[in-house]
Amino acid sequence: MPATTQESGYVEESYERDTRYLSDRITADGAEGWPVEAGRYRLVVSRACPWANRAIIVRALLGLEDALSMGVAGPTHDWRSWQFDLDPGGRDPVLGIKRLREAFEARQPGYERGITVPAIVDVPTGKVVTNDFAQITLDLSTEWTALHRDGAPDLYPEHLRDEMTVVMEMIYREVNNGVYRAGFAGDQREYERAYATLFDRLDWLSDRLAGQRYLMGDTITEADVRLYTTLARFDAVYHGHFKCNRHKLTEMPVLWAYARDLFQTPGFGDNTDFGQIKRHYYVVHTDINPTGVVPAGPDVSGWTTPHRREALGGRPFGDRTPPTPPAAAE
């Protein structure tokens, strides 16, 4: 299948995400040669990308800003990869590179797989350590604990991990990735199958969340972060651009209230950039939107309206504390 948009990690026609990641892990014991060290690594993201947005939110919730610096690529890219066009001179100020491809090539000359965000780069060598987005956030929760802020939440509670694994896999396969399966379907049957699967799962999630505040109960976990980044993009992009149009998020009462609850929680809404989100999808996906015109809407003011999810009980961080607002530099 042609890999016309390899840098974003997907290939087209019959949709299939490229999951051939650099999957080394940064661990507390350094067993794979990459020990957790404050200041050694740089998390490279784009605020437009849902997979990278997960890492941004988790980093903020855990208070890892001083331990793990963050480089932010612009919302658009071409075949050469994500670029640091938001920085002065178009170069990341820490890594000194113009495009993320340079860090992948430093690790593996002639690198031919998807050049994706999030990626963690070893600053001294300029080499990508990992771009395995699912494992990155779990490791931030479990391996970087010595560097967490005081009061950081437990986003991956050990007693919930078995159930979380099942829930997060369903969310990934049928929601996070499901919108892409619909948007990049190669024929009508494939599209309708993806569309039906997506909305069946959203209905299931609505039922689950009707009686509890968060996916795993009374506090926020990694599962909520993973669902949130798709919901935040739903009306702005997926409803129209990806033809996921049975209902808008704003027309699904439980999920809309749940999404607003998270958006208004420190760490979530303050790390959500609707402008960059729209610019990425509508400019980069020229096969779907050949004009490159970016929609002016939707109106996002509704995200700050009351959600009334407090009535279900629970507290976002339980006995822990919320993160501080993002630093001005970020």
C-alpha atoms as a PDB file:
ATOM      1  CA  MET A   1       0.000   0.000   0.000  1.00  0.00           C
ATOM      2  CA  PRO A   2       1.324   3.473  -0.813  1.00  0.00           C
ATOM      3  CA  ALA A   3       2.784   5.328   2.165  1.00  0.00           C
ATOM      4  CA  THR A   4       2.023   8.828   0.950  1.00  0.00           C
ATOM      5  CA  THR A   5       1.870  10.270   4.478  1.00  0.00           C
ATOM      6  CA  GLN A   6       4.392   8.103   6.271  1.00  0.00           C
ATOM      7  CA  GLU A   7       5.539  10.829   8.631  1.00  0.00           C
ATOM      8  CA  SER A   8       2.189  10.819  10.454  1.00  0.00           C
ATOM      9  CA  GLY A   9       2.354   7.078  10.933  1.00  0.00           C
ATOM     10  CA  TYR A  10      -0.384   5.930   8.599  1.00  0.00           C
ATOM     11  CA  VAL A  11      -0.680   4.526   5.124  1.00  0.00           C
ATOM     12  CA  GLU A  12      -3.658   4.869   2.857  1.00  0.00           C
ATOM     13  CA  GLU A  13      -6.145   2.928   0.732  1.00  0.00           C
ATOM     14  CA  SER A  14      -6.989   0.073   3.135  1.00  0.00           C
ATOM     15  CA  TYR A  15      -6.040   2.011   6.233  1.00  0.00           C
ATOM     16  CA  GLU A  16      -3.258   0.599   8.366  1.00  0.00           C
ATOM     17  CA  ARG A  17      -1.275   2.519  10.981  1.00  0.00           C
ATOM     18  CA  ASP A  18       2.499   2.104  10.827  1.00  0.00           C
ATOM     19  CA  THR A  19       3.413   0.805  14.278  1.00  0.00           C
ATOM     20  CA  ARG A  20       7.032  -0.135  13.558  1.00  0.00           C
ATOM     21  CA  TYR A  21       8.384   2.114  16.278  1.00  0.00           C
ATOM     22  CA  LEU A  22      11.765   2.611  17.848  1.00  0.00           C
ATOM     23  CA  SER A  23      10.660   0.976  21.070  1.00  0.00           C
ATOM     24  CA  ASP A  24      13.583   1.273  23.479  1.00  0.00           C
ATOM     25  CA  ARG A  25      12.401   2.142  26.967  1.00  0.00           C
ATOM     26  CA  ILE A  26      13.743   4.729  29.397  1.00  0.00           C
ATOM     27  CA  THR A  27      13.559   3.015  32.782  1.00  0.00           C
ATOM     28  CA  ALA A  28      14.468   3.705  36.375  1.00  0.00           C
ATOM     29  CA  ASP A  29      17.064   0.921  36.340  1.00  0.00           C
ATOM     30  CA  GLY A  30      18.377   1.739  32.862  1.00  0.00           C
ATOM     31  CA  ALA A  31      18.044  -1.918  31.870  1.00  0.00           C
ATOM     32  CA  GLU A  32      17.833  -1.071  28.155  1.00  0.00           C
ATOM     33  CA  GLY A  33      20.685   1.405  28.286  1.00  0.00           C
ATOM     34  CA  TRP A  34      18.510   4.465  28.792  1.00  0.00           C
ATOM     35  CA  PRO A  35      18.241   5.390  32.496  1.00  0.00           C
ATOM     36  CA  VAL A  36      15.813   7.998  33.743  1.00  0.00           C
ATOM     37  CA  GLU A  37      17.828  11.183  34.260  1.00  0.00           C
ATOM     38  CA  ALA A  38      16.570  14.694  34.835  1.00  0.00           C
ATOM     39  CA  GLY A  39      17.514  16.977  31.954  1.00  0.00           C
ATOM     40  CA  ARG A  40      18.943  14.268  29.698  1.00  0.00           C
ATOM     41  CA  TYR A  41      16.001  13.776  27.337  1.00  0.00           C
ATOM     42  CA  ARG A  42      13.723  15.969  25.259  1.00  0.00           C
ATOM     43  CA  LEU A  43      10.114  15.120  24.477  1.00  0.00           C
ATOM     44  CA  VAL A  44       9.301  16.204  20.921  1.00  0.00           C
ATOM     45  CA  VAL A  45       5.611  16.788  20.214  1.00  0.00           C
ATOM     46  CA  SER A  46       3.157  18.632  18.042  1.00  0.00           C
ATOM     47  CA  ARG A  47       0.127  20.094  19.760  1.00  0.00           C
ATOM     48  CA  ALA A  48      -1.922  19.115  16.719  1.00  0.00           C
ATOM     49  CA  CYS A  49      -1.277  15.376  17.036  1.00  0.00           C
ATOM     50  CA  PRO A  50      -3.596  13.373  19.322  1.00  0.00           C
ATOM     51  CA  TRP A  51      -0.907  10.812  20.158  1.00  0.00           C
ATOM     52  CA  ALA A  52       1.543  13.566  21.121  1.00  0.00           C
ATOM     53  CA  ASN A  53      -1.176  15.448  22.992  1.00  0.00           C
ATOM     54  CA  ARG A  54      -1.421  12.455  25.327  1.00  0.00           C
ATOM     55  CA  ALA A  55       2.238  12.813  26.249  1.00  0.00           C
ATOM     56  CA  ILE A  56       1.900  16.578  26.749  1.00  0.00           C
ATOM     57  CA  ILE A  57      -1.012  16.075  29.154  1.00  0.00           C
ATOM     58  CA  VAL A  58       0.603  13.226  31.104  1.00  0.00           C
ATOM     59  CA  ARG A  59       3.867  15.185  31.448  1.00  0.00           C
ATOM     60  CA  ALA A  60       1.905  18.140  32.827  1.00  0.00           C
ATOM     61  CA  LEU A  61      -0.227  16.075  35.217  1.00  0.00           C
ATOM     62  CA  LEU A  62       2.878  14.386  36.648  1.00  0.00           C
ATOM     63  CA  GLY A  63       4.818  17.649  36.874  1.00  0.00           C
ATOM     64  CA  LEU A  64       7.763  16.495  34.787  1.00  0.00           C
ATOM     65  CA  GLU A  65       8.374  19.828  33.065  1.00  0.00           C
ATOM     66  CA  ASP A  66      11.692  20.494  34.835  1.00  0.00           C
ATOM     67  CA  ALA A  67      12.944  16.929  34.355  1.00  0.00           C
ATOM     68  CA  LEU A  68      11.888  16.392  30.741  1.00  0.00           C
ATOM     69  CA  SER A  69      12.095  19.379  28.413  1.00  0.00           C
ATOM     70  CA  MET A  70       9.667  19.648  25.512  1.00  0.00           C
ATOM     71  CA  GLY A  71      10.281  20.610  21.892  1.00  0.00           C
ATOM     72  CA  VAL A  72       7.203  21.632  19.936  1.00  0.00           C
ATOM     73  CA  ALA A  73       7.029  21.079  16.190  1.00  0.00           C
ATOM     74  CA  GLY A  74       4.592  23.106  14.119  1.00  0.00           C
ATOM     75  CA  PRO A  75       1.171  21.741  13.184  1.00  0.00           C
ATOM     76  CA  THR A  76       2.029  20.943   9.553  1.00  0.00           C
ATOM     77  CA  HIS A  77       4.673  18.864   7.839  1.00  0.00           C
ATOM     78  CA  ASP A  78       5.591  17.517   4.427  1.00  0.00           C
ATOM     79  CA  TRP A  79       7.183  14.245   3.319  1.00  0.00           C
ATOM     80  CA  ARG A  80      10.429  15.261   5.041  1.00  0.00           C
ATOM     81  CA  SER A  81       8.827  15.112   8.509  1.00  0.00           C
ATOM     82  CA  TRP A  82       7.684  17.377  11.307  1.00  0.00           C
ATOM     83  CA  GLN A  83       9.526  20.704  11.396  1.00  0.00           C
ATOM     84  CA  PHE A  84      10.387  23.206  14.120  1.00  0.00           C
ATOM     85  CA  ASP A  85       8.945  26.179  12.290  1.00  0.00           C
ATOM     86  CA  LEU A  86       7.529  27.699  15.493  1.00  0.00           C
ATOM     87  CA  ASP A  87      11.034  28.311  16.867  1.00  0.00           C
ATOM     88  CA  PRO A  88      13.309  31.240  15.962  1.00  0.00           C
ATOM     89  CA  GLY A  89      15.292  30.351  12.874  1.00  0.00           C
ATOM     90  CA  GLY A  90      13.191  27.226  12.403  1.00  0.00           C
ATOM     91  CA  ARG A  91      15.435  25.169  14.705  1.00  0.00           C
ATOM     92  CA  ASP A  92      14.701  23.453  17.977  1.00  0.00           C
ATOM     93  CA  PRO A  93      16.669  25.511  20.514  1.00  0.00           C
ATOM     94  CA  VAL A  94      17.938  22.473  22.432  1.00  0.00           C
ATOM     95  CA  LEU A  95      18.505  19.880  19.712  1.00  0.00           C
ATOM     96  CA  GLY A  96      19.580  22.395  17.077  1.00  0.00           C
ATOM     97  CA  ILE A  97      17.703  20.585  14.316  1.00  0.00           C
ATOM     98  CA  LYS A  98      15.215  21.890  11.748  1.00  0.00           C
ATOM     99  CA  ARG A  99      13.277  18.653  11.260  1.00  0.00           C
ATOM    100  CA  LEU A 100      12.573  15.670  13.464  1.00  0.00           C
ATOM    101  CA  ARG A 101      13.930  13.427  10.716  1.00  0.00           C
ATOM    102  CA  GLU A 102      17.450  14.505  11.711  1.00  0.00           C
ATOM    103  CA  ALA A 103      17.083  12.870  15.146  1.00  0.00           C
ATOM    104  CA  PHE A 104      15.777   9.647  13.604  1.00  0.00           C
ATOM    105  CA  GLU A 105      18.627   9.613  11.092  1.00  0.00           C
ATOM    106  CA  ALA A 106      21.110  10.173  13.921  1.00  0.00           C
ATOM    107  CA  ARG A 107      19.786   7.040  15.580  1.00  0.00           C
ATOM    108  CA  GLN A 108      19.454   4.980  12.404  1.00  0.00           C
ATOM    109  CA  PRO A 109      20.988   6.311   9.163  1.00  0.00           C
ATOM    110  CA  GLY A 110      18.625   5.793   6.245  1.00  0.00           C
ATOM    111  CA  TYR A 111      15.648   5.461   8.585  1.00  0.00           C
ATOM    112  CA  GLU A 112      12.643   4.453   6.478  1.00  0.00           C
ATOM    113  CA  ARG A 113       9.813   3.993   8.960  1.00  0.00           C
ATOM    114  CA  GLY A 114       7.261   6.535  10.124  1.00  0.00           C
ATOM    115  CA  ILE A 115       8.736   9.680  11.662  1.00  0.00           C
ATOM    116  CA  THR A 116       6.156  10.281  14.341  1.00  0.00           C
ATOM    117  CA  VAL A 117       5.454  12.339  17.424  1.00  0.00           C
ATOM    118  CA  PRO A 118       5.711  11.984  20.324  1.00  0.00           C
ATOM    119  CA  ALA A 119       9.364  11.036  20.266  1.00  0.00           C
ATOM    120  CA  ILE A 120      11.881  11.179  23.089  1.00  0.00           C
ATOM    121  CA  VAL A 121      15.367  12.269  22.035  1.00  0.00           C
ATOM    122  CA  ASP A 122      18.609  11.757  23.959  1.00  0.00           C
ATOM    123  CA  VAL A 123      19.974  15.302  24.063  1.00  0.00           C
ATOM    124  CA  PRO A 124      23.722  14.488  24.346  1.00  0.00           C
ATOM    125  CA  THR A 125      23.695  12.300  21.215  1.00  0.00           C
ATOM    126  CA  GLY A 126      20.737  13.849  19.364  1.00  0.00           C
ATOM    127  CA  LYS A 127      19.327  10.357  18.788  1.00  0.00           C
ATOM    128  CA  VAL A 128      15.701   9.296  19.114  1.00  0.00           C
ATOM    129  CA  VAL A 129      15.299   6.783  21.918  1.00  0.00           C
ATOM    130  CA  THR A 130      11.656   5.917  21.333  1.00  0.00           C
ATOM    131  CA  ASN A 131       8.555   6.973  19.444  1.00  0.00           C
ATOM    132  CA  ASP A 132       6.356   4.207  20.893  1.00  0.00           C
ATOM    133  CA  PHE A 133       3.588   6.593  21.948  1.00  0.00           C
ATOM    134  CA  ALA A 134       1.558   4.105  23.995  1.00  0.00           C
ATOM    135  CA  GLN A 135       4.529   2.977  26.091  1.00  0.00           C
ATOM    136  CA  ILE A 136       5.965   6.474  26.513  1.00  0.00           C
ATOM    137  CA  THR A 137       3.102   7.683  28.696  1.00  0.00           C
ATOM    138  CA  LEU A 138       2.918   4.501  30.752  1.00  0.00           C
ATOM    139  CA  ASP A 139       6.639   4.754  31.438  1.00  0.00           C
ATOM    140  CA  LEU A 140       6.309   8.402  32.448  1.00  0.00           C
ATOM    141  CA  SER A 141       3.838   7.201  35.088  1.00  0.00           C
ATOM    142  CA  THR A 142       5.727   4.137  36.319  1.00  0.00           C
ATOM    143  CA  GLU A 143       9.440   4.629  35.608  1.00  0.00           C
ATOM    144  CA  TRP A 144       9.845   8.369  36.195  1.00  0.00           C
ATOM    145  CA  THR A 145       8.255   8.360  39.671  1.00  0.00           C
ATOM    146  CA  ALA A 146      11.347   9.717  41.411  1.00  0.00           C
ATOM    147  CA  LEU A 147      10.989  12.899  39.360  1.00  0.00           C
ATOM    148  CA  HIS A 148       7.221  13.372  39.719  1.00  0.00           C
ATOM    149  CA  ARG A 149       5.986  16.513  41.439  1.00  0.00           C
ATOM    150  CA  ASP A 150       4.688  16.276  44.994  1.00  0.00           C
ATOM    151  CA  GLY A 151       1.007  15.339  44.794  1.00  0.00           C
ATOM    152  CA  ALA A 152       1.212  13.877  41.278  1.00  0.00           C
ATOM    153  CA  PRO A 153      -1.737  11.591  40.487  1.00  0.00           C
ATOM    154  CA  ASP A 154      -1.413   7.856  39.948  1.00  0.00           C
ATOM    155  CA  LEU A 155      -2.528   7.635  36.330  1.00  0.00           C
ATOM    156  CA  TYR A 156      -1.866   3.898  36.063  1.00  0.00           C
ATOM    157  CA  PRO A 157      -2.994   2.337  39.359  1.00  0.00           C
ATOM    158  CA  GLU A 158      -1.655  -1.164  39.745  1.00  0.00           C
ATOM    159  CA  HIS A 159      -4.953  -2.643  40.956  1.00  0.00           C
ATOM    160  CA  LEU A 160      -6.751  -1.348  37.836  1.00  0.00           C
ATOM    161  CA  ARG A 161      -4.177  -2.252  35.186  1.00  0.00           C
ATOM    162  CA  ASP A 162      -5.807  -5.431  33.903  1.00  0.00           C
ATOM    163  CA  GLU A 163      -9.140  -3.711  33.333  1.00  0.00           C
ATOM    164  CA  MET A 164      -7.459  -0.570  32.030  1.00  0.00           C
ATOM    165  CA  THR A 165      -5.566  -2.585  29.442  1.00  0.00           C
ATOM    166  CA  VAL A 166      -8.820  -3.964  28.048  1.00  0.00           C
ATOM    167  CA  VAL A 167     -10.570  -0.575  28.058  1.00  0.00           C
ATOM    168  CA  MET A 168      -7.627   1.297  26.545  1.00  0.00           C
ATOM    169  CA  GLU A 169      -7.172  -1.296  23.806  1.00  0.00           C
ATOM    170  CA  MET A 170     -10.838  -0.948  22.811  1.00  0.00           C
ATOM    171  CA  ILE A 171     -10.537   2.828  22.839  1.00  0.00           C
ATOM    172  CA  TYR A 172      -7.377   2.717  20.723  1.00  0.00           C
ATOM    173  CA  ARG A 173      -8.666   0.224  18.175  1.00  0.00           C
ATOM    174  CA  GLU A 174     -12.223   1.497  17.756  1.00  0.00           C
ATOM    175  CA  VAL A 175     -12.110   5.204  18.705  1.00  0.00           C
ATOM    176  CA  ASN A 176      -8.582   6.704  18.587  1.00  0.00           C
ATOM    177  CA  ASN A 177      -7.715   4.711  15.474  1.00  0.00           C
ATOM    178  CA  GLY A 178     -11.330   4.192  14.442  1.00  0.00           C
ATOM    179  CA  VAL A 179     -11.757   7.779  13.275  1.00  0.00           C
ATOM    180  CA  TYR A 180      -8.742   7.321  10.997  1.00  0.00           C
ATOM    181  CA  ARG A 181     -10.121   4.062   9.642  1.00  0.00           C
ATOM    182  CA  ALA A 182     -13.250   5.948   8.624  1.00  0.00           C
ATOM    183  CA  GLY A 183     -11.413   9.007   7.321  1.00  0.00           C
ATOM    184  CA  PHE A 184      -8.940   7.065   5.201  1.00  0.00           C
ATOM    185  CA  ALA A 185     -11.206   4.221   4.118  1.00  0.00           C
ATOM    186  CA  GLY A 186     -10.487   3.064   0.599  1.00  0.00           C
ATOM    187  CA  ASP A 187     -14.048   2.106  -0.305  1.00  0.00           C
ATOM    188  CA  GLN A 188     -17.636   2.506   0.869  1.00  0.00           C
ATOM    189  CA  ARG A 189     -17.872  -0.823   2.672  1.00  0.00           C
ATOM    190  CA  GLU A 190     -14.673  -0.237   4.620  1.00  0.00           C
ATOM    191  CA  TYR A 191     -15.830   3.252   5.584  1.00  0.00           C
ATOM    192  CA  GLU A 192     -19.261   2.100   6.748  1.00  0.00           C
ATOM    193  CA  ARG A 193     -17.732  -0.721   8.801  1.00  0.00           C
ATOM    194  CA  ALA A 194     -15.369   1.710  10.543  1.00  0.00           C
ATOM    195  CA  TYR A 195     -18.172   4.248  11.033  1.00  0.00           C
ATOM    196  CA  ALA A 196     -20.467   1.682  12.649  1.00  0.00           C
ATOM    197  CA  THR A 197     -17.708   0.325  14.902  1.00  0.00           C
ATOM    198  CA  LEU A 198     -16.753   3.832  16.029  1.00  0.00           C
ATOM    199  CA  PHE A 199     -20.252   4.887  17.021  1.00  0.00           C
ATOM    200  CA  ASP A 200     -21.053   1.535  18.635  1.00  0.00           C
ATOM    201  CA  ARG A 201     -18.026   2.046  20.874  1.00  0.00           C
ATOM    202  CA  LEU A 202     -18.933   5.673  21.582  1.00  0.00           C
ATOM    203  CA  ASP A 203     -22.390   4.480  22.637  1.00  0.00           C
ATOM    204  CA  TRP A 204     -20.752   1.909  24.931  1.00  0.00           C
ATOM    205  CA  LEU A 205     -18.543   4.602  26.435  1.00  0.00           C
ATOM    206  CA  SER A 206     -21.575   6.846  26.960  1.00  0.00           C
ATOM    207  CA  ASP A 207     -23.298   4.061  28.875  1.00  0.00           C
ATOM    208  CA  ARG A 208     -20.190   3.444  30.986  1.00  0.00           C
ATOM    209  CA  LEU A 209     -19.780   7.126  31.808  1.00  0.00           C
ATOM    210  CA  ALA A 210     -23.444   7.784  32.536  1.00  0.00           C
ATOM    211  CA  GLY A 211     -23.021   6.453  36.062  1.00  0.00           C
ATOM    212  CA  GLN A 212     -19.403   7.244  36.905  1.00  0.00           C
ATOM    213  CA  ARG A 213     -17.357  10.379  36.494  1.00  0.00           C
ATOM    214  CA  TYR A 214     -14.281   8.853  34.841  1.00  0.00           C
ATOM    215  CA  LEU A 215     -13.584   5.738  32.824  1.00  0.00           C
ATOM    216  CA  MET A 216     -12.100   3.798  35.727  1.00  0.00           C
ATOM    217  CA  GLY A 217     -14.188   5.279  38.516  1.00  0.00           C
ATOM    218  CA  ASP A 218     -13.771   8.345  40.702  1.00  0.00           C
ATOM    219  CA  THR A 219     -10.379   9.672  39.546  1.00  0.00           C
ATOM    220  CA  ILE A 220      -8.590  10.421  36.300  1.00  0.00           C
ATOM    221  CA  THR A 221      -6.358   7.732  34.818  1.00  0.00           C
ATOM    222  CA  GLU A 222      -4.380   7.236  31.622  1.00  0.00           C
ATOM    223  CA  ALA A 223      -7.562   5.808  30.051  1.00  0.00           C
ATOM    224  CA  ASP A 224      -9.246   9.219  30.312  1.00  0.00           C
ATOM    225  CA  VAL A 225      -6.253  10.948  28.743  1.00  0.00           C
ATOM    226  CA  ARG A 226      -6.371   8.556  25.790  1.00  0.00           C
ATOM    227  CA  LEU A 227     -10.069   9.082  25.140  1.00  0.00           C
ATOM    228  CA  TYR A 228      -9.934  12.849  25.693  1.00  0.00           C
ATOM    229  CA  THR A 229      -7.537  13.637  22.850  1.00  0.00           C
ATOM    230  CA  THR A 230      -9.914  12.076  20.309  1.00  0.00           C
ATOM    231  CA  LEU A 231     -12.983  13.755  21.781  1.00  0.00           C
ATOM    232  CA  ALA A 232     -11.215  17.138  21.732  1.00  0.00           C
ATOM    233  CA  ARG A 233     -10.733  16.766  17.978  1.00  0.00           C
ATOM    234  CA  PHE A 234     -14.106  15.293  17.184  1.00  0.00           C
ATOM    235  CA  ASP A 235     -16.210  18.271  16.135  1.00  0.00           C
ATOM    236  CA  ALA A 236     -13.269  20.332  14.887  1.00  0.00           C
ATOM    237  CA  VAL A 237     -11.965  17.610  12.576  1.00  0.00           C
ATOM    238  CA  TYR A 238     -13.342  14.086  12.692  1.00  0.00           C
ATOM    239  CA  HIS A 239     -17.045  14.882  12.271  1.00  0.00           C
ATOM    240  CA  GLY A 240     -16.582  16.563   8.891  1.00  0.00           C
ATOM    241  CA  HIS A 241     -13.060  15.895   7.663  1.00  0.00           C
ATOM    242  CA  PHE A 242     -13.191  12.167   8.477  1.00  0.00           C
ATOM    243  CA  LYS A 243     -16.935  11.758   7.785  1.00  0.00           C
ATOM    244  CA  CYS A 244     -17.660  10.597  11.346  1.00  0.00           C
ATOM    245  CA  ASN A 245     -20.961  12.407  11.217  1.00  0.00           C
ATOM    246  CA  ARG A 246     -23.696  10.368  12.868  1.00  0.00           C
ATOM    247  CA  HIS A 247     -23.555  12.921  15.683  1.00  0.00           C
ATOM    248  CA  LYS A 248     -21.294  15.731  16.757  1.00  0.00           C
ATOM    249  CA  LEU A 249     -19.719  15.434  20.181  1.00  0.00           C
ATOM    250  CA  THR A 250     -21.974  18.296  21.268  1.00  0.00           C
ATOM    251  CA  GLU A 251     -24.957  16.087  20.349  1.00  0.00           C
ATOM    252  CA  MET A 252     -23.851  13.195  22.594  1.00  0.00           C
ATOM    253  CA  PRO A 253     -24.830  14.497  26.047  1.00  0.00           C
ATOM    254  CA  VAL A 254     -22.811  12.187  28.294  1.00  0.00           C
ATOM    255  CA  LEU A 255     -19.590  12.318  26.274  1.00  0.00           C
ATOM    256  CA  TRP A 256     -19.899  16.065  25.751  1.00  0.00           C
ATOM    257  CA  ALA A 257     -20.279  16.683  29.492  1.00  0.00           C
ATOM    258  CA  TYR A 258     -17.407  14.259  30.237  1.00  0.00           C
ATOM    259  CA  ALA A 259     -15.146  15.964  27.681  1.00  0.00           C
ATOM    260  CA  ARG A 260     -15.940  19.405  29.137  1.00  0.00           C
ATOM    261  CA  ASP A 261     -15.204  18.102  32.619  1.00  0.00           C
ATOM    262  CA  LEU A 262     -11.731  17.028  31.484  1.00  0.00           C
ATOM    263  CA  PHE A 263     -11.142  20.174  29.416  1.00  0.00           C
ATOM    264  CA  GLN A 264     -11.807  22.286  32.510  1.00  0.00           C
ATOM    265  CA  THR A 265      -9.401  20.165  34.605  1.00  0.00           C
ATOM    266  CA  PRO A 266      -5.846  21.567  34.897  1.00  0.00           C
ATOM    267  CA  GLY A 267      -3.528  19.816  32.465  1.00  0.00           C
ATOM    268  CA  PHE A 268      -6.153  19.147  29.782  1.00  0.00           C
ATOM    269  CA  GLY A 269      -7.740  22.276  28.339  1.00  0.00           C
ATOM    270  CA  ASP A 270      -4.621  24.344  28.932  1.00  0.00           C
ATOM    271  CA  ASN A 271      -2.790  21.863  26.704  1.00  0.00           C
ATOM    272  CA  THR A 272      -5.395  21.809  23.913  1.00  0.00           C
ATOM    273  CA  ASP A 273      -4.889  24.022  20.864  1.00  0.00           C
ATOM    274  CA  PHE A 274      -7.865  23.912  18.503  1.00  0.00           C
ATOM    275  CA  GLY A 275      -6.202  26.209  15.972  1.00  0.00           C
ATOM    276  CA  GLN A 276      -3.176  23.957  15.542  1.00  0.00           C
ATOM    277  CA  ILE A 277      -5.393  20.869  15.492  1.00  0.00           C
ATOM    278  CA  LYS A 278      -7.447  22.180  12.580  1.00  0.00           C
ATOM    279  CA  ARG A 279      -4.459  23.470  10.693  1.00  0.00           C
ATOM    280  CA  HIS A 280      -2.738  20.088  10.810  1.00  0.00           C
ATOM    281  CA  TYR A 281      -5.580  17.973   9.496  1.00  0.00           C
ATOM    282  CA  TYR A 282      -6.972  20.344   6.884  1.00  0.00           C
ATOM    283  CA  VAL A 283      -3.591  21.432   5.492  1.00  0.00           C
ATOM    284  CA  VAL A 284      -1.629  18.173   5.625  1.00  0.00           C
ATOM    285  CA  HIS A 285      -4.342  15.837   4.321  1.00  0.00           C
ATOM    286  CA  THR A 286      -4.404  17.171   0.782  1.00  0.00           C
ATOM    287  CA  ASP A 287      -5.955  13.982  -0.574  1.00  0.00           C
ATOM    288  CA  ILE A 288      -9.036  14.597   1.601  1.00  0.00           C
ATOM    289  CA  ASN A 289      -8.967  18.411   1.509  1.00  0.00           C
ATOM    290  CA  PRO A 290      -7.114  19.418  -1.673  1.00  0.00           C
ATOM    291  CA  THR A 291      -7.908  23.125  -1.297  1.00  0.00           C
ATOM    292  CA  GLY A 292      -6.115  23.349   2.047  1.00  0.00           C
ATOM    293  CA  VAL A 293      -8.874  25.630   3.333  1.00  0.00           C
ATOM    294  CA  VAL A 294      -9.111  25.481   7.129  1.00  0.00           C
ATOM    295  CA  PRO A 295     -12.646  25.828   8.567  1.00  0.00           C
ATOM    296  CA  ALA A 296     -13.336  28.884  10.689  1.00  0.00           C
ATOM    297  CA  GLY A 297     -15.519  26.893  13.109  1.00  0.00           C
ATOM    298  CA  PRO A 298     -16.719  25.290  15.173  1.00  0.00           C
ATOM    299  CA  ASP A 299     -17.356  27.717  18.012  1.00  0.00           C
ATOM    300  CA  VAL A 300     -15.334  26.374  20.956  1.00  0.00           C
ATOM    301  CA  SER A 301     -16.830  28.598  23.649  1.00  0.00           C
ATOM    302  CA  GLY A 302     -19.043  25.716  24.780  1.00  0.00           C
ATOM    303  CA  TRP A 303     -16.030  23.902  26.210  1.00  0.00           C
ATOM    304  CA  THR A 304     -16.074  26.225  29.226  1.00  0.00           C
ATOM    305  CA  THR A 305     -19.772  25.877  30.031  1.00  0.00           C
ATOM    306  CA  PRO A 306     -20.888  23.986  33.182  1.00  0.00           C
ATOM    307  CA  HIS A 307     -20.713  20.194  32.831  1.00  0.00           C
ATOM    308  CA  ARG A 308     -22.356  19.212  36.153  1.00  0.00           C
ATOM    309  CA  ARG A 309     -20.420  15.947  36.317  1.00  0.00           C
ATOM    310  CA  GLU A 310     -19.621  16.706  39.970  1.00  0.00           C
ATOM    311  CA  ALA A 311     -23.012  15.217  40.790  1.00  0.00           C
ATOM    312  CA  LEU A 312     -21.557  11.783  40.044  1.00  0.00           C
ATOM    313  CA  GLY A 313     -19.036  12.200  42.865  1.00  0.00           C
ATOM    314  CA  GLY A 314     -15.339  11.613  42.587  1.00  0.00           C
ATOM    315  CA  ARG A 315     -12.517  14.101  42.295  1.00  0.00           C
ATOM    316  CA  PRO A 316     -10.173  14.357  39.315  1.00  0.00           C
ATOM    317  CA  PHE A 317      -7.013  13.783  41.392  1.00  0.00           C
ATOM    318  CA  GLY A 318      -8.468  12.061  44.439  1.00  0.00           C
ATOM    319  CA  ASP A 319      -6.232  12.847  47.420  1.00  0.00           C
ATOM    320  CA  ARG A 320      -3.524  14.196  45.101  1.00  0.00           C
ATOM    321  CA  THR A 321      -3.275  17.761  43.777  1.00  0.00           C
ATOM    322  CA  PRO A 322      -3.769  19.469  40.400  1.00  0.00           C
ATOM    323  CA  PRO A 323      -0.780  20.553  38.334  1.00  0.00           C
ATOM    324  CA  THR A 324       0.313  24.158  38.065  1.00  0.00           C
ATOM    325  CA  PRO A 325      -0.548  26.094  34.880  1.00  0.00           C
ATOM    326  CA  PRO A 326       1.837  25.721  31.933  1.00  0.00           C
ATOM    327  CA  ALA A 327       4.935  27.902  32.042  1.00  0.00           C
ATOM    328  CA  ALA A 328       4.829  30.973  29.837  1.00  0.00           C
ATOM    329  CA  ALA A 329       7.578  29.539  27.635  1.00  0.00           C
ATOM    330  CA  GLU A 330       5.361  26.570  26.791  1.00  0.00           C
END
